[in-house]
C-alpha atoms as a PDB file:
ATOM      1  CA  MET A   1      12.322   4.929  26.570  1.00  0.00           C
ATOM      2  CA  ILE A   2       9.663   7.445  25.757  1.00  0.00           C
ATOM      3  CA  ASP A   3       6.659   5.571  24.468  1.00  0.00           C
ATOM      4  CA  THR A   4       5.017   8.411  22.630  1.00  0.00           C
ATOM      5  CA  ILE A   5       6.223  11.314  20.543  1.00  0.00           C
ATOM      6  CA  SER A   6       3.599  13.473  22.229  1.00  0.00           C
ATOM      7  CA  THR A   7       5.757  13.539  25.378  1.00  0.00           C
ATOM      8  CA  ILE A   8       8.499  15.304  23.442  1.00  0.00           C
ATOM      9  CA  THR A   9       5.904  17.581  21.861  1.00  0.00           C
ATOM     10  CA  ARG A  10       4.801  18.847  25.277  1.00  0.00           C
ATOM     11  CA  VAL A  11       8.388  19.526  26.267  1.00  0.00           C
ATOM     12  CA  LEU A  12       9.220  21.396  23.069  1.00  0.00           C
ATOM     13  CA  SER A  13       6.121  23.559  23.250  1.00  0.00           C
ATOM     14  CA  GLY A  14       7.358  25.020  26.521  1.00  0.00           C
ATOM     15  CA  LEU A  15      11.010  25.342  25.704  1.00  0.00           C
ATOM     16  CA  GLY A  16      11.238  27.508  22.543  1.00  0.00           C
ATOM     17  CA  MET A  17      14.837  26.344  22.320  1.00  0.00           C
ATOM     18  CA  MET A  18      17.598  25.959  19.770  1.00  0.00           C
ATOM     19  CA  MET A  19      17.965  22.426  18.427  1.00  0.00           C
ATOM     20  CA  ALA A  20      20.357  20.686  16.120  1.00  0.00           C
ATOM     21  CA  VAL A  21      18.593  18.857  13.327  1.00  0.00           C
ATOM     22  CA  ALA A  22      20.556  16.953  10.686  1.00  0.00           C
ATOM     23  CA  GLY A  23      23.749  18.824  11.476  1.00  0.00           C
ATOM     24  CA  ALA A  24      22.234  22.321  11.182  1.00  0.00           C
ATOM     25  CA  THR A  25      20.981  24.517  14.016  1.00  0.00           C
ATOM     26  CA  LEU A  26      17.349  25.532  13.697  1.00  0.00           C
ATOM     27  CA  VAL A  27      15.284  27.773  15.981  1.00  0.00           C
ATOM     28  CA  PHE A  28      12.256  26.107  17.552  1.00  0.00           C
ATOM     29  CA  SER A  29       9.602  28.122  19.331  1.00  0.00           C
ATOM     30  CA  GLY A  30       7.097  25.426  20.089  1.00  0.00           C
ATOM     31  CA  PRO A  31       6.923  22.851  17.231  1.00  0.00           C
ATOM     32  CA  SER A  32       7.134  19.151  17.951  1.00  0.00           C
ATOM     33  CA  PRO A  33       9.837  16.754  16.655  1.00  0.00           C
ATOM     34  CA  VAL A  34       7.332  15.611  14.057  1.00  0.00           C
ATOM     35  CA  GLU A  35       7.142  19.192  12.817  1.00  0.00           C
ATOM     36  CA  ALA A  36      10.934  19.382  12.985  1.00  0.00           C
ATOM     37  CA  ALA A  37      11.102  16.518  10.500  1.00  0.00           C
ATOM     38  CA  ALA A  38       8.342  18.062   8.406  1.00  0.00           C
ATOM     39  CA  PRO A  39       9.142  19.637   5.040  1.00  0.00           C
ATOM     40  CA  GLN A  40      11.500  22.603   5.343  1.00  0.00           C
ATOM     41  CA  CYS A  41      12.786  22.797   1.768  1.00  0.00           C
ATOM     42  CA  SER A  42      10.366  20.884  -0.449  1.00  0.00           C
ATOM     43  CA  ARG A  43       7.058  22.136  -1.815  1.00  0.00           C
ATOM     44  CA  LEU A  44       4.275  20.535  -3.868  1.00  0.00           C
ATOM     45  CA  LEU A  45       3.130  22.781  -6.702  1.00  0.00           C
ATOM     46  CA  PRO A  46       0.170  22.154  -9.068  1.00  0.00           C
ATOM     47  CA  THR A  47       0.990  22.663 -12.761  1.00  0.00           C
ATOM     48  CA  GLY A  48      -1.622  22.081 -15.453  1.00  0.00           C
ATOM     49  CA  GLY A  49      -3.384  19.089 -13.951  1.00  0.00           C
ATOM     50  CA  ARG A  50      -0.203  17.538 -12.586  1.00  0.00           C
ATOM     51  CA  GLU A  51       2.050  18.211  -9.620  1.00  0.00           C
ATOM     52  CA  VAL A  52       5.686  19.222  -9.288  1.00  0.00           C
ATOM     53  CA  ILE A  53       7.842  18.797  -6.215  1.00  0.00           C
ATOM     54  CA  PHE A  54      10.394  21.589  -5.821  1.00  0.00           C
ATOM     55  CA  ASN A  55      13.456  21.822  -3.557  1.00  0.00           C
ATOM     56  CA  GLN A  56      13.892  25.485  -2.723  1.00  0.00           C
ATOM     57  CA  CYS A  57      17.019  24.999  -0.588  1.00  0.00           C
ATOM     58  CA  ASP A  58      20.728  24.787  -1.404  1.00  0.00           C
ATOM     59  CA  LYS A  59      21.046  21.249  -0.062  1.00  0.00           C
ATOM     60  CA  CYS A  60      20.008  17.802  -1.259  1.00  0.00           C
ATOM     61  CA  ARG A  61      16.828  16.394   0.302  1.00  0.00           C
ATOM     62  CA  VAL A  62      15.124  12.987   0.363  1.00  0.00           C
ATOM     63  CA  VAL A  63      11.384  13.618   0.158  1.00  0.00           C
ATOM     64  CA  ASN A  64       8.735  10.980   0.813  1.00  0.00           C
ATOM     65  CA  ILE A  65       5.289  11.480  -0.725  1.00  0.00           C
ATOM     66  CA  THR A  66       1.998   9.622  -0.382  1.00  0.00           C
ATOM     67  CA  ARG A  67      -0.825   9.785  -2.930  1.00  0.00           C
ATOM     68  CA  SER A  68      -4.388   9.034  -1.842  1.00  0.00           C
ATOM     69  CA  ARG A  69      -6.986   8.197  -4.478  1.00  0.00           C
ATOM     70  CA  PRO A  70     -10.783   8.064  -4.110  1.00  0.00           C
ATOM     71  CA  GLY A  71     -11.936   4.501  -3.551  1.00  0.00           C
ATOM     72  CA  ASN A  72      -8.421   3.229  -2.816  1.00  0.00           C
ATOM     73  CA  ALA A  73      -7.878   2.576   0.887  1.00  0.00           C
ATOM     74  CA  ILE A  74      -4.118   2.083   0.524  1.00  0.00           C
ATOM     75  CA  PRO A  75      -2.184   5.223  -0.483  1.00  0.00           C
ATOM     76  CA  ILE A  76       0.768   5.065  -2.879  1.00  0.00           C
ATOM     77  CA  SER A  77       4.171   5.960  -1.417  1.00  0.00           C
ATOM     78  CA  ARG A  78       7.107   7.346  -3.394  1.00  0.00           C
ATOM     79  CA  SER A  79      10.558   8.617  -2.401  1.00  0.00           C
ATOM     80  CA  TYR A  80      12.559  11.197  -4.377  1.00  0.00           C
ATOM     81  CA  ASN A  81      16.086  12.572  -4.118  1.00  0.00           C
ATOM     82  CA  LEU A  82      15.928  16.281  -4.881  1.00  0.00           C
ATOM     83  CA  ARG A  83      19.153  18.065  -5.725  1.00  0.00           C
ATOM     84  CA  PRO A  84      19.480  21.711  -4.596  1.00  0.00           C
ATOM     85  CA  LYS A  85      17.082  24.085  -6.380  1.00  0.00           C
ATOM     86  CA  SER A  86      15.713  21.261  -8.542  1.00  0.00           C
ATOM     87  CA  LYS A  87      12.212  20.016  -9.347  1.00  0.00           C
ATOM     88  CA  ILE A  88      10.619  16.708 -10.343  1.00  0.00           C
ATOM     89  CA  ASP A  89       7.319  16.149 -12.151  1.00  0.00           C
ATOM     90  CA  LEU A  90       5.245  13.659 -10.184  1.00  0.00           C
ATOM     91  CA  PRO A  91       3.797  10.759 -12.210  1.00  0.00           C
ATOM     92  CA  PHE A  92       0.358  10.867 -10.586  1.00  0.00           C
ATOM     93  CA  ARG A  93      -2.661  11.592 -12.772  1.00  0.00           C
ATOM     94  CA  GLY A  94      -6.383  11.831 -12.196  1.00  0.00           C
ATOM     95  CA  PRO A  95      -8.237  12.604  -8.970  1.00  0.00           C
ATOM     96  CA  GLY A  96      -6.420  12.272  -5.691  1.00  0.00           C
ATOM     97  CA  ARG A  97      -4.393  14.123  -3.104  1.00  0.00           C
ATOM     98  CA  SER A  98      -0.613  14.117  -2.684  1.00  0.00           C
ATOM     99  CA  ARG A  99       1.202  15.172   0.451  1.00  0.00           C
ATOM    100  CA  ILE A 100       4.778  15.251   1.718  1.00  0.00           C
ATOM    101  CA  THR A 101       5.107  12.861   4.653  1.00  0.00           C
ATOM    102  CA  SER A 102       8.758  13.442   5.528  1.00  0.00           C
ATOM    103  CA  GLU A 103      11.906  15.222   4.434  1.00  0.00           C
ATOM    104  CA  LEU A 104      15.475  14.247   5.343  1.00  0.00           C
ATOM    105  CA  PRO A 105      19.017  15.068   4.240  1.00  0.00           C
ATOM    106  CA  CYS A 106      20.349  12.877   1.442  1.00  0.00           C
ATOM    107  CA  LYS A 107      22.530   9.883   2.221  1.00  0.00           C
ATOM    108  CA  GLY A 108      26.051  10.954   3.035  1.00  0.00           C
ATOM    109  CA  ASP A 109      24.950  14.354   4.324  1.00  0.00           C
ATOM    110  CA  PRO A 110      24.836  15.124   8.072  1.00  0.00           C
ATOM    111  CA  GLY A 111      21.626  13.721   9.507  1.00  0.00           C
ATOM    112  CA  GLY A 112      20.947  11.494   6.496  1.00  0.00           C
ATOM    113  CA  ALA A 113      19.563   7.985   6.849  1.00  0.00           C
ATOM    114  CA  ILE A 114      21.964   5.121   7.559  1.00  0.00           C
ATOM    115  CA  ASN A 115      21.805   2.091   5.273  1.00  0.00           C
ATOM    116  CA  LEU A 116      21.917  -0.931   7.587  1.00  0.00           C
ATOM    117  CA  ALA A 117      23.228  -3.127   4.764  1.00  0.00           C
ATOM    118  CA  ASP A 118      26.282  -0.917   4.107  1.00  0.00           C
ATOM    119  CA  PRO A 119      29.432  -2.796   5.290  1.00  0.00           C
ATOM    120  CA  ASN A 120      31.300   0.516   5.582  1.00  0.00           C
ATOM    121  CA  VAL A 121      28.720   2.183   7.815  1.00  0.00           C
ATOM    122  CA  SER A 122      30.929   2.019  10.924  1.00  0.00           C
ATOM    123  CA  LYS A 123      33.853   3.626   9.088  1.00  0.00           C
ATOM    124  CA  ASN A 124      31.652   6.318   7.587  1.00  0.00           C
ATOM    125  CA  LEU A 125      30.132   7.156  10.953  1.00  0.00           C
ATOM    126  CA  SER A 126      33.498   7.334  12.711  1.00  0.00           C
ATOM    127  CA  ASN A 127      34.786   9.857  10.144  1.00  0.00           C
ATOM    128  CA  LYS A 128      32.022  12.347  10.911  1.00  0.00           C
ATOM    129  CA  LYS A 129      32.740  15.003  13.520  1.00  0.00           C
ATOM    130  CA  PRO A 130      30.250  15.055  16.392  1.00  0.00           C
ATOM    131  CA  GLU A 131      27.996  18.098  16.191  1.00  0.00           C
ATOM    132  CA  THR A 132      25.394  17.103  18.764  1.00  0.00           C
ATOM    133  CA  CYS A 133      25.249  15.006  21.924  1.00  0.00           C
ATOM    134  CA  VAL A 134      23.500  11.945  20.487  1.00  0.00           C
ATOM    135  CA  GLU A 135      24.995   9.895  17.671  1.00  0.00           C
ATOM    136  CA  MET A 136      23.994   6.657  15.995  1.00  0.00           C
ATOM    137  CA  GLU A 137      26.599   3.903  15.854  1.00  0.00           C
ATOM    138  CA  LYS A 138      26.770   0.366  14.537  1.00  0.00           C
ATOM    139  CA  THR A 139      27.435  -2.340  17.107  1.00  0.00           C
ATOM    140  CA  PRO A 140      29.969  -5.189  16.616  1.00  0.00           C
ATOM    141  CA  SER A 141      27.027  -7.554  16.106  1.00  0.00           C
ATOM    142  CA  GLY A 142      25.665  -5.428  13.246  1.00  0.00           C
ATOM    143  CA  GLY A 143      22.877  -3.685  15.131  1.00  0.00           C
ATOM    144  CA  MET A 144      22.421   0.029  15.746  1.00  0.00           C
ATOM    145  CA  GLN A 145      22.610   1.998  18.980  1.00  0.00           C
ATOM    146  CA  LEU A 146      22.390   5.576  20.228  1.00  0.00           C
ATOM    147  CA  ILE A 147      25.335   7.055  22.144  1.00  0.00           C
ATOM    148  CA  ASN A 148      25.070  10.198  24.266  1.00  0.00           C
ATOM    149  CA  LYS A 149      28.507  11.835  24.491  1.00  0.00           C
ATOM    150  CA  CYS A 150      27.362  14.667  26.728  1.00  0.00           C
ATOM    151  CA  LYS A 151      26.959  14.704  30.501  1.00  0.00           C
ATOM    152  CA  VAL A 152      23.205  15.233  30.531  1.00  0.00           C
ATOM    153  CA  CYS A 153      20.293  13.022  29.500  1.00  0.00           C
ATOM    154  CA  LYS A 154      18.915  13.553  25.993  1.00  0.00           C
ATOM    155  CA  ALA A 155      15.669  12.476  24.330  1.00  0.00           C
ATOM    156  CA  ALA A 156      16.244  11.398  20.720  1.00  0.00           C
ATOM    157  CA  LEU A 157      13.734  10.841  17.917  1.00  0.00           C
ATOM    158  CA  ILE A 158      14.587   8.266  15.226  1.00  0.00           C
ATOM    159  CA  GLU A 159      12.768   7.216  12.047  1.00  0.00           C
ATOM    160  CA  ARG A 160      12.811   3.697  10.641  1.00  0.00           C
ATOM    161  CA  GLN A 161      12.408   3.508   6.849  1.00  0.00           C
ATOM    162  CA  ASP A 162      12.264   0.790   4.228  1.00  0.00           C
ATOM    163  CA  SER A 163      15.135   0.344   1.756  1.00  0.00           C
ATOM    164  CA  SER A 164      13.682   3.012  -0.565  1.00  0.00           C
ATOM    165  CA  GLY A 165      13.534   5.603   2.201  1.00  0.00           C
ATOM    166  CA  ALA A 166       9.730   5.533   2.398  1.00  0.00           C
ATOM    167  CA  ASN A 167       7.183   4.309   4.964  1.00  0.00           C
ATOM    168  CA  GLY A 168       8.909   6.104   7.829  1.00  0.00           C
ATOM    169  CA  LYS A 169       7.918   5.176  11.391  1.00  0.00           C
ATOM    170  CA  ARG A 170       9.191   7.304  14.258  1.00  0.00           C
ATOM    171  CA  GLN A 171      10.094   6.369  17.832  1.00  0.00           C
ATOM    172  CA  ALA A 172      11.571   8.363  20.722  1.00  0.00           C
ATOM    173  CA  TYR A 173      14.272   7.161  23.118  1.00  0.00           C
ATOM    174  CA  LYS A 174      15.712   8.509  26.354  1.00  0.00           C
ATOM    175  CA  VAL A 175      19.518   8.330  26.018  1.00  0.00           C
ATOM    176  CA  TYR A 176      21.593   8.603  29.182  1.00  0.00           C
ATOM    177  CA  PRO A 177      25.210   9.877  29.206  1.00  0.00           C
ATOM    178  CA  LYS A 178      27.710   7.330  27.875  1.00  0.00           C
ATOM    179  CA  THR A 179      25.125   4.549  28.099  1.00  0.00           C
ATOM    180  CA  PRO A 180      24.469   2.764  24.772  1.00  0.00           C
ATOM    181  CA  THR A 181      20.783   2.575  23.897  1.00  0.00           C
ATOM    182  CA  PRO A 182      19.968  -0.240  21.433  1.00  0.00           C
ATOM    183  CA  VAL A 183      17.788   0.652  18.434  1.00  0.00           C
ATOM    184  CA  PRO A 184      16.299  -2.571  17.026  1.00  0.00           C
ATOM    185  CA  PRO A 185      15.646  -2.359  13.263  1.00  0.00           C
ATOM    186  CA  LYS A 186      12.121  -3.841  13.476  1.00  0.00           C
ATOM    187  CA  GLY A 187      12.314  -4.758   9.798  1.00  0.00           C
ATOM    188  CA  ALA A 188      13.639  -1.366   8.649  1.00  0.00           C
ATOM    189  CA  GLY A 189      16.118  -1.046   5.792  1.00  0.00           C
ATOM    190  CA  GLN A 190      17.596   2.169   7.178  1.00  0.00           C
ATOM    191  CA  ILE A 191      17.334   4.348  10.267  1.00  0.00           C
ATOM    192  CA  ALA A 192      17.688   8.129  10.609  1.00  0.00           C
ATOM    193  CA  LEU A 193      18.305  10.210  13.730  1.00  0.00           C
ATOM    194  CA  LEU A 194      15.957  13.191  13.417  1.00  0.00           C
ATOM    195  CA  VAL A 195      16.251  15.363  16.509  1.00  0.00           C
ATOM    196  CA  GLU A 196      17.365  15.514  20.134  1.00  0.00           C
ATOM    197  CA  ILE A 197      16.246  17.569  23.133  1.00  0.00           C
ATOM    198  CA  ALA A 198      16.950  17.678  26.863  1.00  0.00           C
ATOM    199  CA  CYS A 199      15.178  14.900  28.740  1.00  0.00           C
ATOM    200  CA  PRO A 200      11.831  15.929  30.243  1.00  0.00           C
END
């Protein structure tokens, strides 16, 4: 297991390689996996004292936002499903700062988060055609694991989220060929596979 995401960051900065993220191939020329999961489609726009979040892409996105207020040590977290080319007025008012903390494909789309409480998750996963080396599968006991179907080692970055899709926490794993790698939920409501690279 790779204990820190910074290890992957150092590898990516020297590779400038093509990577598959959420079922689509994106060109990377140095950014880290954290940047790979950073907003690609969504934008925060100020409008007359309020803010609007806009999805400028032709695909559905799940966008997590935090709002920090002066004098409040705990930021507010919200999650929004943005349809293609749509916008949502944020409910925040008054002083403060909003920022997008993560952006993922919507549930059901390639690369979208997996609901651990869904009894049909194994069936849904088996119906999807493999597009990358590493896939996430449900074990017979109800847990989750990473499977590497290629012949070379891969480093995979996952994100654990609560049931609303917010409060994402990322962790990197080294996944060896055809060797299941358990992914404990650690209290998460759903888990998403963000990115994979060649092992360092």
